[in-house]
Amino acid sequence: MILYGISTCDTCKKALKALEAAGHSPQFHDVRANPLSEAEILEFVTDFGGAIINQKSTTWRGASDWLKASEPDEQLKQQPTLMKRPVIRSDQGLTLGWDEAVQAKYL
């Protein structure tokens, strides 16, 4: 299991703690320190479309008009922290966010 996020994200911290408490051993992938590969970006955009971009974030609000108008894959290449978090990869596939449905799947 891999949890993609950033180390300063409170939601990612909560998800990691809850997953570990439920007996999982998630590997943390900090997308700020270790940007996503082209293949990972393509996979995330294919699975989640535009939902992969967090348009409610302060990073989004500060983004240039050019970046906001570009495709999600280009947005993630240019600014990895625009990714909605966390993305969790498991044997069951990929999930986005840490809402009740995602928690029910893993906890």
N, C-alpha and C. Protein backbone atom coordinates (compact mmCIF):
# COMPACT_ATOMS: atom_id res chain seq x y z
N MET A 1 0.86 -1.18 0.00
CA MET A 1 0.00 0.00 0.00
C MET A 1 0.90 1.23 0.00
N ILE A 2 0.57 2.18 -0.88
CA ILE A 2 1.29 3.44 -0.96
C ILE A 2 0.30 4.58 -0.76
N LEU A 3 0.64 5.51 0.10
CA LEU A 3 -0.16 6.71 0.29
C LEU A 3 0.62 7.87 -0.31
N TYR A 4 0.05 8.50 -1.33
CA TYR A 4 0.66 9.66 -1.98
C TYR A 4 0.09 10.92 -1.36
N GLY A 5 0.95 11.85 -0.98
CA GLY A 5 0.50 13.10 -0.39
C GLY A 5 1.68 14.00 -0.13
N ILE A 6 1.53 14.92 0.81
CA ILE A 6 2.65 15.75 1.26
C ILE A 6 2.73 15.66 2.78
N SER A 7 3.94 15.79 3.28
CA SER A 7 4.19 15.55 4.71
C SER A 7 3.49 16.54 5.62
N THR A 8 3.15 17.72 5.12
CA THR A 8 2.51 18.74 5.96
C THR A 8 0.98 18.68 5.91
N CYS A 9 0.42 17.76 5.15
CA CYS A 9 -1.03 17.66 4.98
C CYS A 9 -1.66 16.94 6.18
N ASP A 10 -2.55 17.62 6.88
CA ASP A 10 -3.21 17.02 8.04
C ASP A 10 -4.05 15.80 7.66
N THR A 11 -4.71 15.85 6.51
CA THR A 11 -5.52 14.72 6.08
C THR A 11 -4.64 13.50 5.81
N CYS A 12 -3.48 13.72 5.21
CA CYS A 12 -2.56 12.61 4.96
C CYS A 12 -2.06 12.01 6.28
N LYS A 13 -1.77 12.88 7.24
CA LYS A 13 -1.32 12.39 8.55
C LYS A 13 -2.40 11.55 9.22
N LYS A 14 -3.65 12.02 9.17
CA LYS A 14 -4.77 11.27 9.75
C LYS A 14 -4.93 9.92 9.05
N ALA A 15 -4.84 9.93 7.73
CA ALA A 15 -5.00 8.69 6.96
C ALA A 15 -3.90 7.70 7.30
N LEU A 16 -2.66 8.15 7.36
CA LEU A 16 -1.55 7.27 7.70
C LEU A 16 -1.75 6.64 9.08
N LYS A 17 -2.10 7.47 10.03
CA LYS A 17 -2.29 6.99 11.41
C LYS A 17 -3.42 5.96 11.47
N ALA A 18 -4.54 6.25 10.81
CA ALA A 18 -5.68 5.34 10.82
C ALA A 18 -5.37 4.03 10.10
N LEU A 19 -4.66 4.12 8.98
CA LEU A 19 -4.30 2.90 8.24
C LEU A 19 -3.37 2.02 9.07
N GLU A 20 -2.40 2.64 9.73
CA GLU A 20 -1.48 1.87 10.59
C GLU A 20 -2.23 1.25 11.75
N ALA A 21 -3.15 1.97 12.36
CA ALA A 21 -3.95 1.45 13.47
C ALA A 21 -4.82 0.28 13.03
N ALA A 22 -5.20 0.27 11.74
CA ALA A 22 -6.04 -0.81 11.21
C ALA A 22 -5.20 -2.01 10.74
N GLY A 23 -3.89 -1.95 10.96
CA GLY A 23 -3.04 -3.09 10.63
C GLY A 23 -2.37 -3.02 9.27
N HIS A 24 -2.54 -1.93 8.55
CA HIS A 24 -1.87 -1.77 7.26
C HIS A 24 -0.47 -1.21 7.49
N SER A 25 0.39 -1.40 6.51
CA SER A 25 1.75 -0.84 6.58
C SER A 25 1.97 0.05 5.36
N PRO A 26 1.33 1.22 5.35
CA PRO A 26 1.44 2.08 4.17
C PRO A 26 2.83 2.69 4.02
N GLN A 27 3.28 2.74 2.78
CA GLN A 27 4.51 3.44 2.45
C GLN A 27 4.08 4.85 2.06
N PHE A 28 4.75 5.88 2.59
CA PHE A 28 4.39 7.26 2.30
C PHE A 28 5.23 7.79 1.15
N HIS A 29 4.58 8.36 0.14
CA HIS A 29 5.26 8.96 -1.00
C HIS A 29 4.95 10.45 -0.98
N ASP A 30 5.93 11.26 -0.60
CA ASP A 30 5.77 12.71 -0.55
C ASP A 30 5.96 13.27 -1.96
N VAL A 31 4.89 13.75 -2.56
CA VAL A 31 4.95 14.22 -3.95
C VAL A 31 5.68 15.55 -4.08
N ARG A 32 5.88 16.25 -2.98
CA ARG A 32 6.67 17.48 -3.03
C ARG A 32 8.16 17.12 -3.08
N ALA A 33 8.59 16.20 -2.22
CA ALA A 33 9.99 15.82 -2.15
C ALA A 33 10.38 14.87 -3.29
N ASN A 34 9.44 14.06 -3.74
CA ASN A 34 9.70 13.06 -4.77
C ASN A 34 8.54 13.11 -5.77
N PRO A 35 8.61 14.02 -6.75
CA PRO A 35 7.48 14.20 -7.67
C PRO A 35 7.04 12.90 -8.35
N LEU A 36 5.78 12.89 -8.75
CA LEU A 36 5.21 11.74 -9.44
C LEU A 36 5.91 11.51 -10.78
N SER A 37 6.00 10.26 -11.18
CA SER A 37 6.55 9.93 -12.49
C SER A 37 5.49 10.23 -13.55
N GLU A 38 5.91 10.28 -14.79
CA GLU A 38 4.97 10.50 -15.91
C GLU A 38 3.90 9.42 -15.90
N ALA A 39 4.30 8.17 -15.63
CA ALA A 39 3.35 7.05 -15.62
C ALA A 39 2.33 7.20 -14.49
N GLU A 40 2.79 7.63 -13.31
CA GLU A 40 1.87 7.83 -12.18
C GLU A 40 0.89 8.97 -12.48
N ILE A 41 1.38 10.06 -13.05
CA ILE A 41 0.50 11.18 -13.40
C ILE A 41 -0.55 10.72 -14.39
N LEU A 42 -0.14 10.01 -15.42
CA LEU A 42 -1.08 9.51 -16.42
C LEU A 42 -2.12 8.59 -15.79
N GLU A 43 -1.68 7.71 -14.91
CA GLU A 43 -2.60 6.78 -14.24
C GLU A 43 -3.61 7.54 -13.37
N PHE A 44 -3.14 8.51 -12.60
CA PHE A 44 -4.03 9.27 -11.71
C PHE A 44 -5.05 10.08 -12.51
N VAL A 45 -4.58 10.72 -13.58
CA VAL A 45 -5.49 11.52 -14.40
C VAL A 45 -6.48 10.62 -15.14
N THR A 46 -6.02 9.46 -15.59
CA THR A 46 -6.92 8.51 -16.25
C THR A 46 -8.00 8.03 -15.29
N ASP A 47 -7.61 7.70 -14.06
CA ASP A 47 -8.57 7.19 -13.07
C ASP A 47 -9.50 8.25 -12.52
N PHE A 48 -8.97 9.45 -12.26
CA PHE A 48 -9.74 10.46 -11.53
C PHE A 48 -10.12 11.70 -12.35
N GLY A 49 -9.55 11.84 -13.54
CA GLY A 49 -9.84 13.01 -14.37
C GLY A 49 -9.47 14.29 -13.64
N GLY A 50 -10.25 15.33 -13.84
CA GLY A 50 -9.99 16.63 -13.23
C GLY A 50 -10.15 16.63 -11.72
N ALA A 51 -10.79 15.60 -11.15
CA ALA A 51 -10.96 15.52 -9.69
C ALA A 51 -9.63 15.37 -8.97
N ILE A 52 -8.57 14.98 -9.68
CA ILE A 52 -7.25 14.83 -9.06
C ILE A 52 -6.68 16.19 -8.64
N ILE A 53 -7.22 17.27 -9.21
CA ILE A 53 -6.73 18.61 -8.88
C ILE A 53 -7.60 19.23 -7.78
N ASN A 54 -6.95 19.68 -6.73
CA ASN A 54 -7.65 20.30 -5.60
C ASN A 54 -7.83 21.79 -5.88
N GLN A 55 -8.98 22.14 -6.40
CA GLN A 55 -9.24 23.54 -6.76
C GLN A 55 -9.67 24.39 -5.57
N LYS A 56 -9.68 23.81 -4.38
CA LYS A 56 -10.01 24.57 -3.18
C LYS A 56 -8.76 24.95 -2.39
N SER A 57 -7.60 24.53 -2.87
CA SER A 57 -6.36 24.75 -2.12
C SER A 57 -5.80 26.15 -2.31
N THR A 58 -4.97 26.56 -1.38
CA THR A 58 -4.29 27.85 -1.51
C THR A 58 -3.32 27.81 -2.68
N THR A 59 -2.76 26.65 -2.97
CA THR A 59 -1.86 26.52 -4.12
C THR A 59 -2.61 26.83 -5.41
N TRP A 60 -3.85 26.31 -5.53
CA TRP A 60 -4.67 26.57 -6.72
C TRP A 60 -4.98 28.07 -6.83
N ARG A 61 -5.36 28.67 -5.72
CA ARG A 61 -5.72 30.09 -5.75
C ARG A 61 -4.54 30.96 -6.17
N GLY A 62 -3.32 30.52 -5.86
CA GLY A 62 -2.14 31.28 -6.21
C GLY A 62 -1.55 30.91 -7.57
N ALA A 63 -2.13 29.94 -8.23
CA ALA A 63 -1.60 29.48 -9.53
C ALA A 63 -1.87 30.51 -10.62
N SER A 64 -1.01 30.49 -11.61
CA SER A 64 -1.16 31.41 -12.75
C SER A 64 -2.38 31.02 -13.58
N ASP A 65 -2.88 31.96 -14.34
CA ASP A 65 -4.00 31.68 -15.25
C ASP A 65 -3.62 30.59 -16.24
N TRP A 66 -2.37 30.62 -16.70
CA TRP A 66 -1.90 29.60 -17.64
C TRP A 66 -2.02 28.20 -17.02
N LEU A 67 -1.54 28.07 -15.78
CA LEU A 67 -1.58 26.77 -15.12
C LEU A 67 -3.01 26.31 -14.89
N LYS A 68 -3.87 27.23 -14.46
CA LYS A 68 -5.27 26.87 -14.23
C LYS A 68 -5.96 26.42 -15.52
N ALA A 69 -5.56 26.97 -16.65
CA ALA A 69 -6.18 26.62 -17.93
C ALA A 69 -5.58 25.36 -18.56
N SER A 70 -4.46 24.88 -18.02
CA SER A 70 -3.82 23.70 -18.61
C SER A 70 -4.50 22.41 -18.16
N GLU A 71 -4.13 21.33 -18.79
CA GLU A 71 -4.71 20.01 -18.50
C GLU A 71 -4.20 19.51 -17.14
N PRO A 72 -4.98 18.63 -16.48
CA PRO A 72 -4.57 18.13 -15.16
C PRO A 72 -3.17 17.50 -15.13
N ASP A 73 -2.80 16.77 -16.19
CA ASP A 73 -1.47 16.16 -16.18
C ASP A 73 -0.37 17.22 -16.16
N GLU A 74 -0.55 18.29 -16.91
CA GLU A 74 0.43 19.38 -16.92
C GLU A 74 0.44 20.11 -15.58
N GLN A 75 -0.71 20.27 -14.97
CA GLN A 75 -0.79 20.92 -13.66
C GLN A 75 0.01 20.13 -12.63
N LEU A 76 -0.13 18.80 -12.64
CA LEU A 76 0.61 17.97 -11.69
C LEU A 76 2.10 17.97 -11.96
N LYS A 77 2.49 18.04 -13.23
CA LYS A 77 3.92 18.11 -13.56
C LYS A 77 4.52 19.41 -13.05
N GLN A 78 3.80 20.51 -13.24
CA GLN A 78 4.31 21.83 -12.87
C GLN A 78 4.21 22.10 -11.37
N GLN A 79 3.15 21.60 -10.74
CA GLN A 79 2.90 21.89 -9.32
C GLN A 79 2.29 20.65 -8.66
N PRO A 80 3.13 19.70 -8.22
CA PRO A 80 2.62 18.44 -7.65
C PRO A 80 1.69 18.62 -6.45
N THR A 81 1.83 19.72 -5.72
CA THR A 81 0.99 19.91 -4.53
C THR A 81 -0.44 20.30 -4.88
N LEU A 82 -0.75 20.46 -6.17
CA LEU A 82 -2.14 20.68 -6.58
C LEU A 82 -2.96 19.40 -6.49
N MET A 83 -2.29 18.27 -6.31
CA MET A 83 -2.98 16.99 -6.25
C MET A 83 -3.89 16.92 -5.03
N LYS A 84 -5.13 16.50 -5.25
CA LYS A 84 -6.02 16.23 -4.12
C LYS A 84 -5.43 15.06 -3.35
N ARG A 85 -5.50 15.14 -2.02
CA ARG A 85 -4.81 14.14 -1.21
C ARG A 85 -5.73 13.51 -0.19
N PRO A 86 -5.35 12.31 0.22
CA PRO A 86 -4.32 11.45 -0.34
C PRO A 86 -4.84 10.61 -1.50
N VAL A 87 -3.91 10.13 -2.29
CA VAL A 87 -4.20 9.06 -3.24
C VAL A 87 -3.60 7.80 -2.61
N ILE A 88 -4.41 6.76 -2.51
CA ILE A 88 -3.94 5.52 -1.90
C ILE A 88 -3.96 4.42 -2.95
N ARG A 89 -2.81 3.77 -3.10
CA ARG A 89 -2.69 2.63 -4.01
C ARG A 89 -2.66 1.36 -3.16
N SER A 90 -3.55 0.44 -3.46
CA SER A 90 -3.57 -0.84 -2.76
C SER A 90 -3.85 -1.95 -3.77
N ASP A 91 -3.94 -3.16 -3.28
CA ASP A 91 -4.29 -4.29 -4.15
C ASP A 91 -5.67 -4.09 -4.77
N GLN A 92 -6.48 -3.25 -4.16
CA GLN A 92 -7.85 -2.99 -4.63
C GLN A 92 -7.91 -1.85 -5.64
N GLY A 93 -6.77 -1.27 -6.00
CA GLY A 93 -6.74 -0.17 -6.95
C GLY A 93 -6.39 1.14 -6.28
N LEU A 94 -6.86 2.24 -6.88
CA LEU A 94 -6.57 3.58 -6.39
C LEU A 94 -7.82 4.22 -5.77
N THR A 95 -7.61 4.98 -4.71
CA THR A 95 -8.68 5.79 -4.15
C THR A 95 -8.17 7.21 -4.00
N LEU A 96 -9.11 8.16 -3.98
CA LEU A 96 -8.77 9.57 -3.89
C LEU A 96 -9.48 10.19 -2.69
N GLY A 97 -8.72 10.89 -1.85
CA GLY A 97 -9.29 11.56 -0.69
C GLY A 97 -9.36 10.64 0.52
N TRP A 98 -9.98 11.16 1.58
CA TRP A 98 -10.10 10.40 2.83
C TRP A 98 -11.49 10.61 3.40
N ASP A 99 -12.49 10.36 2.56
CA ASP A 99 -13.87 10.51 3.00
C ASP A 99 -14.36 9.20 3.61
N GLU A 100 -15.63 9.16 4.01
CA GLU A 100 -16.17 7.98 4.68
C GLU A 100 -16.10 6.73 3.81
N ALA A 101 -16.33 6.87 2.51
CA ALA A 101 -16.30 5.71 1.62
C ALA A 101 -14.89 5.11 1.55
N VAL A 102 -13.88 5.97 1.46
CA VAL A 102 -12.49 5.49 1.41
C VAL A 102 -12.11 4.86 2.75
N GLN A 103 -12.51 5.50 3.83
CA GLN A 103 -12.21 4.95 5.15
C GLN A 103 -12.87 3.57 5.32
N ALA A 104 -14.11 3.44 4.87
CA ALA A 104 -14.81 2.17 5.00
C ALA A 104 -14.10 1.07 4.21
N LYS A 105 -13.48 1.43 3.13
CA LYS A 105 -12.79 0.45 2.29
C LYS A 105 -11.54 -0.10 2.98
N TYR A 106 -10.86 0.74 3.75
CA TYR A 106 -9.56 0.34 4.32
C TYR A 106 -9.58 0.06 5.81
N LEU A 107 -10.57 0.57 6.53
CA LEU A 107 -10.52 0.42 8.00
C LEU A 107 -11.43 -0.66 8.52
